[in-house]
Protein backbone atom coordinates (compact mmCIF):
# COMPACT_ATOMS: atom_id res chain seq x y z
CA UNK A 1 -5.58 -7.51 -16.15
CA UNK A 2 -5.67 -3.71 -15.87
CA UNK A 3 -2.42 -1.75 -16.09
CA UNK A 4 -2.56 1.26 -13.76
CA UNK A 5 -0.18 4.15 -13.11
CA UNK A 6 0.57 5.69 -9.71
CA UNK A 7 -0.29 8.30 -8.65
CA UNK A 8 -3.80 7.38 -9.67
CA UNK A 9 -6.53 9.88 -10.55
CA UNK A 10 -9.91 9.91 -8.79
CA UNK A 11 -11.80 8.53 -11.79
CA UNK A 12 -9.51 5.50 -12.08
CA UNK A 13 -9.59 4.78 -8.33
CA UNK A 14 -13.37 4.97 -8.10
CA UNK A 15 -13.86 2.76 -11.18
CA UNK A 16 -12.00 -0.20 -9.66
CA UNK A 17 -13.91 -3.16 -8.25
CA UNK A 18 -12.91 -5.48 -5.40
CA UNK A 19 -11.36 -8.65 -6.80
CA UNK A 20 -9.99 -7.12 -10.02
CA UNK A 21 -6.43 -8.08 -10.97
CA UNK A 22 -4.13 -5.15 -11.70
CA UNK A 23 -0.53 -4.33 -12.56
CA UNK A 24 0.72 -1.18 -10.84
CA UNK A 25 3.49 1.05 -12.19
CA UNK A 26 4.76 4.34 -10.79
CA UNK A 27 5.77 5.79 -7.44
CA UNK A 28 4.91 4.29 -4.05
CA UNK A 29 6.33 4.88 -0.57
CA UNK A 30 7.16 2.10 1.86
CA UNK A 31 5.82 2.47 5.39
CA UNK A 32 5.02 0.03 8.16
CA UNK A 33 3.61 0.55 11.64
CA UNK A 34 6.62 2.36 13.16
CA UNK A 35 6.66 4.89 10.29
CA UNK A 36 2.87 5.26 10.46
CA UNK A 37 3.05 5.95 14.20
CA UNK A 38 5.74 8.59 13.63
CA UNK A 39 3.81 10.26 10.79
CA UNK A 40 0.66 10.51 12.92
CA UNK A 41 2.69 11.89 15.84
CA UNK A 42 4.17 14.53 13.52
CA UNK A 43 0.67 15.51 12.43
CA UNK A 44 -0.48 15.75 16.05
CA UNK A 45 2.50 18.02 16.76
CA UNK A 46 1.74 20.05 13.62
CA UNK A 47 5.17 19.22 12.17
CA UNK A 48 5.69 19.01 8.40
CA UNK A 49 5.71 15.46 7.01
CA UNK A 50 8.79 14.19 5.16
CA UNK A 51 6.58 13.08 2.22
CA UNK A 52 3.56 14.65 0.56
CA UNK A 53 0.65 12.30 1.19
CA UNK A 54 -1.68 14.08 -1.22
CA UNK A 55 -2.80 11.37 -3.66
CA UNK A 56 0.11 9.21 -2.50
CA UNK A 57 0.43 5.43 -2.50
CA UNK A 58 1.95 3.44 0.38
CA UNK A 59 3.21 -0.14 0.23
CA UNK A 60 3.30 -1.88 3.62
CA UNK A 61 6.68 -3.55 3.26
CA UNK A 62 9.99 -3.86 5.07
CA UNK A 63 12.32 -4.77 2.21
CA UNK A 64 15.57 -6.63 2.69
CA UNK A 65 18.85 -5.10 1.48
CA UNK A 66 19.42 -5.19 -2.27
CA UNK A 67 21.76 -7.70 -3.84
CA UNK A 68 24.36 -6.23 -6.20
CA UNK A 69 22.71 -5.08 -9.42
CA UNK A 70 19.19 -5.01 -7.94
CA UNK A 71 17.07 -2.06 -6.81
CA UNK A 72 15.87 -3.85 -3.68
CA UNK A 73 15.92 -7.17 -1.85
CA UNK A 74 12.90 -9.29 -1.08
CA UNK A 75 9.85 -7.01 -0.85
CA UNK A 76 6.77 -8.94 0.23
CA UNK A 77 3.72 -7.27 1.77
CA UNK A 78 3.28 -6.81 5.52
CA UNK A 79 0.02 -7.59 7.31
CA UNK A 80 -2.01 -4.42 6.77
CA UNK A 81 -4.07 -4.55 9.95
CA UNK A 82 -0.95 -3.43 11.84
CA UNK A 83 -1.48 0.02 10.26
CA UNK A 84 -5.24 0.22 10.90
CA UNK A 85 -4.96 2.50 13.96
CA UNK A 86 -3.16 5.13 11.85
CA UNK A 87 -4.74 4.71 8.41
CA UNK A 88 -7.86 6.91 8.81
CA UNK A 89 -5.69 9.86 9.89
CA UNK A 90 -3.37 9.41 6.90
CA UNK A 91 -6.34 9.10 4.55
CA UNK A 92 -7.55 12.44 5.97
CA UNK A 93 -4.13 13.84 4.94
CA UNK A 94 -4.54 12.73 1.32
CA UNK A 95 -3.25 9.14 1.20
CA UNK A 96 -5.32 7.39 -1.50
CA UNK A 97 -3.68 4.04 -2.29
CA UNK A 98 -2.42 1.32 0.03
CA UNK A 99 -0.83 -2.04 -0.82
CA UNK A 100 -0.46 -4.85 1.70
CA UNK A 101 -1.99 -8.17 2.65
CA UNK A 102 -4.91 -9.28 4.75
CA UNK A 103 -8.16 -7.88 6.05
CA UNK A 104 -8.71 -4.29 7.20
CA UNK A 105 -10.85 -3.02 10.09
CA UNK A 106 -14.34 -1.60 9.61
CA UNK A 107 -12.97 1.86 10.50
CA UNK A 108 -10.42 1.61 7.68
CA UNK A 109 -13.06 0.37 5.22
CA UNK A 110 -15.27 3.34 6.12
CA UNK A 111 -12.34 5.77 5.72
CA UNK A 112 -11.44 4.24 2.34
CA UNK A 113 -15.02 4.73 1.18
CA UNK A 114 -15.21 8.28 2.62
CA UNK A 115 -12.09 9.37 0.72
CA UNK A 116 -12.55 7.37 -2.50
CA UNK A 117 -9.32 5.52 -1.74
CA UNK A 118 -8.38 1.96 -2.66
CA UNK A 119 -6.58 -0.88 -0.89
CA UNK A 120 -4.69 -3.41 -2.99
CA UNK A 121 -3.60 -6.85 -1.78
CA UNK A 122 -0.36 -8.43 -2.96
CA UNK A 123 0.48 -12.10 -2.59
CA UNK A 124 2.22 -12.86 0.68
CA UNK A 125 5.21 -15.18 0.50
CA UNK A 126 6.21 -13.86 -2.92
CA UNK A 127 8.63 -11.14 -1.80
CA UNK A 128 11.53 -12.28 -3.97
CA UNK A 129 9.31 -12.37 -7.05
CA UNK A 130 7.67 -9.01 -6.28
CA UNK A 131 11.09 -7.37 -5.89
CA UNK A 132 11.64 -7.85 -9.64
CA UNK A 133 8.76 -5.39 -10.21
CA UNK A 134 10.62 -2.66 -8.30
CA UNK A 135 12.99 -0.76 -10.57
CA UNK A 136 14.21 2.00 -8.22
CA UNK A 137 14.58 2.44 -4.47
CA UNK A 138 15.48 5.74 -2.74
CA UNK A 139 15.47 6.31 1.06
CA UNK A 140 13.28 9.29 2.00
CA UNK A 141 12.82 9.47 5.79
CA UNK A 142 13.28 7.81 9.18
CA UNK A 143 16.54 6.00 8.40
CA UNK A 144 16.79 5.12 12.10
CA UNK A 145 13.85 2.74 11.60
CA UNK A 146 16.03 0.56 9.33
CA UNK A 147 13.72 -1.83 7.41
CA UNK A 148 10.75 0.30 8.51
CA UNK A 149 12.16 3.56 7.09
CA UNK A 150 10.19 5.35 4.40
CA UNK A 151 11.61 4.58 0.96
CA UNK A 152 10.36 5.82 -2.42
CA UNK A 153 9.99 2.93 -4.84
CA UNK A 154 9.32 2.86 -8.55
CA UNK A 155 7.10 -0.05 -9.57
CA UNK A 156 6.81 -1.66 -12.99
CA UNK A 157 3.88 -4.03 -13.54
CA UNK A 158 3.55 -4.90 -9.84
CA UNK A 159 0.79 -7.57 -9.61
CA UNK A 160 -2.00 -7.31 -7.06
CA UNK A 161 -5.75 -7.42 -6.56
CA UNK A 162 -8.17 -4.68 -5.57
CA UNK A 163 -8.75 -5.59 -1.92
CA UNK A 164 -11.17 -2.81 -0.92
CA UNK A 165 -12.62 -0.57 -3.58
CA UNK A 166 -13.74 3.06 -3.21
CA UNK A 167 -17.31 1.88 -2.55
CA UNK A 168 -16.15 -0.18 0.45
CA UNK A 169 -16.50 -3.61 -1.19
CA UNK A 170 -13.99 -6.05 0.34
CA UNK A 171 -12.38 -8.92 -1.60
CA UNK A 172 -12.43 -10.99 1.59
CA UNK A 173 -16.23 -10.74 1.78
CA UNK A 174 -17.06 -11.40 -1.88
CA UNK A 175 -17.81 -14.80 -3.40
CA UNK A 176 -15.84 -16.05 -6.41
CA UNK A 177 -12.62 -14.14 -5.69
CA UNK A 178 -9.07 -15.45 -5.24
CA UNK A 179 -9.49 -15.30 -1.45
CA UNK A 180 -13.15 -16.20 -0.93
CA UNK A 181 -12.46 -19.90 -0.35
CA UNK A 182 -9.44 -19.64 1.95
CA UNK A 183 -9.80 -16.15 3.38
CA UNK A 184 -6.07 -15.65 2.78
CA UNK A 185 -4.04 -13.60 0.34
């Protein structure tokens, strides 16, 4: 299993292959569809974004409140296709890493390949376990969106698979991967 640090350099991103198991450590921002919609609207209005997307990583998650002594509550991945309408625009702005669950559209796959980005899949239904890999949580923007606000997280050995690599290979289309038999992750 490869241990990787976020933000990730171009060479590391482009060397990854769909289906590889990885442990991610470093900084990631949370954002779901409401935050994505707002970010794209801000770009359309030529307003400054509340986060720098250049070489940034986004985790599609709406975490629950933290229990005392914990950085965050349950933090399982959200279905990534909900962000597909906004993802190509954010990739154009510099976003390079996404973490979520499920298949992505052809337009997103093409944008990932165009920008040398990577999409990681985390195991759905394991939010409580995944929360133990999050060591810090700091609200950044859109507090009015509650669980869909943008929050900066620090990850430590966060387990996932390369879902779509920089060449456009998709874990859901490959044989002999954790999802090839069931089509689910």
